[in-house]
């Protein structure tokens, strides 16, 4: 797929130098760097699933007052 985007001059110079050093086409170098960046992002991102809810034993349903008291206690 063809696309157009703007990159800072210094970044473009670094990419071009990398392509020359590795004897690659510029488009292949850009694609490779994007793939590496995306793979790195996937490793560092937090899980997308929500955490399991906390279940309280021996306690009835929480009220707003209970929650506010717990929050206030955590600030002390």
N, C-alpha and C. Protein backbone atom coordinates (compact mmCIF):
# COMPACT_ATOMS: atom_id res chain seq x y z
N UNK A 1 0.84 -1.17 0.00
CA UNK A 1 0.00 0.00 0.00
C UNK A 1 0.89 1.23 0.00
N UNK A 2 0.51 2.20 -0.76
CA UNK A 2 1.23 3.45 -0.80
C UNK A 2 0.60 4.43 0.17
N UNK A 3 1.46 5.18 0.85
CA UNK A 3 0.96 6.22 1.74
C UNK A 3 2.00 7.32 1.82
N UNK A 4 1.56 8.48 2.26
CA UNK A 4 2.45 9.62 2.39
C UNK A 4 2.36 10.15 3.81
N UNK A 5 3.51 10.40 4.40
CA UNK A 5 3.52 11.02 5.72
C UNK A 5 4.80 11.83 5.87
N UNK A 6 4.79 12.75 6.81
CA UNK A 6 5.95 13.61 7.04
C UNK A 6 6.71 13.14 8.26
N UNK A 7 8.04 13.11 8.12
CA UNK A 7 8.91 12.75 9.23
C UNK A 7 9.91 13.88 9.45
N UNK A 8 10.36 14.06 10.67
CA UNK A 8 11.41 15.05 10.90
C UNK A 8 12.66 14.70 10.08
N UNK A 9 13.34 15.73 9.61
CA UNK A 9 14.51 15.51 8.75
C UNK A 9 15.56 14.61 9.41
N UNK A 10 15.85 14.85 10.68
CA UNK A 10 16.88 14.07 11.37
C UNK A 10 16.48 12.59 11.45
N UNK A 11 15.22 12.32 11.70
CA UNK A 11 14.76 10.93 11.75
C UNK A 11 14.87 10.28 10.37
N UNK A 12 14.51 11.00 9.34
CA UNK A 12 14.60 10.45 7.99
C UNK A 12 16.04 10.14 7.62
N UNK A 13 16.97 11.01 8.03
CA UNK A 13 18.39 10.75 7.76
C UNK A 13 18.83 9.45 8.45
N UNK A 14 18.40 9.26 9.70
CA UNK A 14 18.78 8.04 10.43
C UNK A 14 18.21 6.79 9.75
N UNK A 15 17.00 6.89 9.27
CA UNK A 15 16.39 5.74 8.59
C UNK A 15 17.11 5.44 7.29
N UNK A 16 17.43 6.47 6.54
CA UNK A 16 18.15 6.28 5.27
C UNK A 16 19.52 5.65 5.52
N UNK A 17 20.23 6.14 6.55
CA UNK A 17 21.54 5.56 6.86
C UNK A 17 21.41 4.09 7.25
N UNK A 18 20.40 3.77 8.01
CA UNK A 18 20.18 2.38 8.40
C UNK A 18 19.94 1.51 7.16
N UNK A 19 19.15 2.02 6.24
CA UNK A 19 18.86 1.26 5.01
C UNK A 19 20.15 1.01 4.22
N UNK A 20 20.97 2.03 4.09
CA UNK A 20 22.23 1.90 3.34
C UNK A 20 23.16 0.91 4.05
N UNK A 21 23.29 1.05 5.38
CA UNK A 21 24.17 0.16 6.14
C UNK A 21 23.76 -1.30 6.02
N UNK A 22 22.47 -1.55 5.90
CA UNK A 22 21.96 -2.92 5.85
C UNK A 22 21.67 -3.37 4.41
N UNK A 23 22.02 -2.50 3.45
CA UNK A 23 21.81 -2.81 2.04
C UNK A 23 20.35 -3.17 1.75
N UNK A 24 19.43 -2.36 2.29
CA UNK A 24 18.00 -2.57 2.12
C UNK A 24 17.39 -1.41 1.36
N UNK A 25 16.23 -1.67 0.81
CA UNK A 25 15.45 -0.59 0.22
C UNK A 25 14.87 0.23 1.36
N UNK A 26 14.68 1.51 1.12
CA UNK A 26 14.15 2.40 2.15
C UNK A 26 12.79 1.91 2.63
N UNK A 27 11.92 1.51 1.72
CA UNK A 27 10.58 1.06 2.11
C UNK A 27 10.64 -0.19 2.99
N UNK A 28 11.61 -1.07 2.72
CA UNK A 28 11.75 -2.28 3.55
C UNK A 28 12.24 -1.93 4.95
N UNK A 29 13.15 -0.98 5.03
CA UNK A 29 13.66 -0.54 6.33
C UNK A 29 12.55 0.10 7.15
N UNK A 30 11.76 0.96 6.54
CA UNK A 30 10.66 1.61 7.25
C UNK A 30 9.66 0.56 7.73
N UNK A 31 9.32 -0.38 6.88
CA UNK A 31 8.38 -1.43 7.27
C UNK A 31 8.93 -2.25 8.43
N UNK A 32 10.21 -2.59 8.37
CA UNK A 32 10.83 -3.38 9.43
C UNK A 32 10.82 -2.61 10.75
N UNK A 33 11.15 -1.33 10.71
CA UNK A 33 11.16 -0.54 11.94
C UNK A 33 9.76 -0.38 12.52
N UNK A 34 8.77 -0.23 11.67
CA UNK A 34 7.39 -0.15 12.16
C UNK A 34 6.97 -1.46 12.81
N UNK A 35 7.32 -2.58 12.19
CA UNK A 35 6.98 -3.89 12.75
C UNK A 35 7.65 -4.07 14.12
N UNK A 36 8.91 -3.70 14.22
CA UNK A 36 9.62 -3.83 15.50
C UNK A 36 8.98 -2.94 16.56
N UNK A 37 8.61 -1.74 16.18
CA UNK A 37 7.96 -0.83 17.12
C UNK A 37 6.62 -1.35 17.60
N UNK A 38 5.83 -1.90 16.69
CA UNK A 38 4.53 -2.44 17.07
C UNK A 38 4.68 -3.67 17.95
N UNK A 39 5.66 -4.52 17.66
CA UNK A 39 5.89 -5.71 18.48
C UNK A 39 6.29 -5.30 19.89
N UNK A 40 7.12 -4.27 19.99
CA UNK A 40 7.55 -3.78 21.29
C UNK A 40 6.38 -3.18 22.06
N UNK A 41 5.50 -2.48 21.38
CA UNK A 41 4.32 -1.91 22.04
C UNK A 41 3.44 -2.99 22.63
N UNK A 42 3.23 -4.06 21.90
CA UNK A 42 2.37 -5.14 22.35
C UNK A 42 2.92 -5.81 23.61
N UNK A 43 4.22 -5.84 23.76
CA UNK A 43 4.83 -6.46 24.93
C UNK A 43 4.70 -5.58 26.16
N UNK A 44 4.67 -4.27 25.98
CA UNK A 44 4.67 -3.36 27.12
C UNK A 44 3.27 -2.87 27.48
N UNK A 45 2.29 -3.10 26.65
CA UNK A 45 0.95 -2.62 26.95
C UNK A 45 0.31 -3.45 28.06
N UNK A 46 -0.53 -2.79 28.82
CA UNK A 46 -1.26 -3.48 29.89
C UNK A 46 -2.30 -4.40 29.27
N UNK A 47 -2.68 -5.45 29.98
CA UNK A 47 -3.72 -6.33 29.46
C UNK A 47 -5.01 -5.55 29.20
N UNK A 48 -5.73 -5.96 28.17
CA UNK A 48 -6.95 -5.23 27.82
C UNK A 48 -8.16 -5.70 28.61
N UNK A 49 -8.05 -6.84 29.26
CA UNK A 49 -9.16 -7.34 30.04
C UNK A 49 -9.24 -6.61 31.37
N UNK A 50 -10.45 -6.37 31.82
CA UNK A 50 -10.65 -5.74 33.12
C UNK A 50 -10.31 -6.74 34.23
N UNK A 51 -9.81 -6.23 35.35
CA UNK A 51 -9.50 -7.14 36.44
C UNK A 51 -10.77 -7.76 37.01
N UNK A 52 -10.61 -8.91 37.63
CA UNK A 52 -11.76 -9.58 38.23
C UNK A 52 -12.26 -8.76 39.41
N UNK A 53 -13.56 -8.76 39.63
CA UNK A 53 -14.09 -7.99 40.75
C UNK A 53 -13.66 -8.58 42.09
N UNK A 54 -13.54 -7.71 43.07
CA UNK A 54 -13.16 -8.15 44.41
C UNK A 54 -14.41 -8.65 45.12
N UNK A 55 -14.29 -9.80 45.74
CA UNK A 55 -15.41 -10.35 46.50
C UNK A 55 -15.07 -10.27 47.98
N UNK A 56 -15.97 -9.66 48.72
CA UNK A 56 -15.76 -9.52 50.16
C UNK A 56 -16.48 -10.63 50.89
N UNK A 57 -15.78 -11.28 51.82
CA UNK A 57 -16.39 -12.35 52.60
C UNK A 57 -16.93 -11.77 53.90
N UNK A 58 -18.04 -12.30 54.36
CA UNK A 58 -18.64 -11.92 55.63
C UNK A 58 -18.96 -10.42 55.68
N UNK A 59 -19.36 -9.87 54.60
CA UNK A 59 -19.72 -8.46 54.57
C UNK A 59 -20.87 -8.28 53.59
N UNK A 60 -21.85 -7.54 54.00
CA UNK A 60 -22.98 -7.27 53.12
C UNK A 60 -22.59 -6.32 52.01
N UNK A 61 -23.55 -5.88 51.23
CA UNK A 61 -23.25 -4.94 50.15
C UNK A 61 -22.66 -3.63 50.70
N UNK A 62 -21.71 -3.07 49.98
CA UNK A 62 -21.10 -1.81 50.39
C UNK A 62 -22.02 -0.65 50.09
N UNK A 63 -22.00 0.31 50.98
CA UNK A 63 -22.77 1.54 50.77
C UNK A 63 -21.80 2.63 50.35
N UNK A 64 -22.34 3.73 49.88
CA UNK A 64 -21.52 4.88 49.51
C UNK A 64 -20.73 5.35 50.73
N UNK A 65 -21.37 5.32 51.87
CA UNK A 65 -20.71 5.74 53.12
C UNK A 65 -19.50 4.85 53.41
N UNK A 66 -19.63 3.54 53.22
CA UNK A 66 -18.51 2.61 53.43
C UNK A 66 -17.35 2.94 52.50
N UNK A 67 -17.67 3.22 51.26
CA UNK A 67 -16.64 3.52 50.26
C UNK A 67 -15.94 4.83 50.61
N UNK A 68 -16.71 5.86 50.96
CA UNK A 68 -16.12 7.16 51.32
C UNK A 68 -15.24 7.03 52.56
N UNK A 69 -15.65 6.23 53.53
CA UNK A 69 -14.86 6.01 54.74
C UNK A 69 -13.53 5.34 54.39
N UNK A 70 -13.58 4.34 53.51
CA UNK A 70 -12.37 3.63 53.09
C UNK A 70 -11.43 4.56 52.35
N UNK A 71 -11.97 5.42 51.51
CA UNK A 71 -11.13 6.37 50.75
C UNK A 71 -10.48 7.36 51.73
N UNK A 72 -11.26 7.87 52.64
CA UNK A 72 -10.74 8.83 53.62
C UNK A 72 -9.65 8.19 54.48
N UNK A 73 -9.82 6.92 54.85
CA UNK A 73 -8.83 6.22 55.66
C UNK A 73 -7.52 6.04 54.88
N UNK A 74 -7.63 5.86 53.57
CA UNK A 74 -6.44 5.69 52.75
C UNK A 74 -5.65 6.97 52.58
N UNK A 75 -6.27 8.11 52.80
CA UNK A 75 -5.59 9.41 52.67
C UNK A 75 -4.79 9.76 53.90
N UNK A 76 -5.10 9.13 55.01
CA UNK A 76 -4.40 9.46 56.27
C UNK A 76 -3.02 8.88 56.33
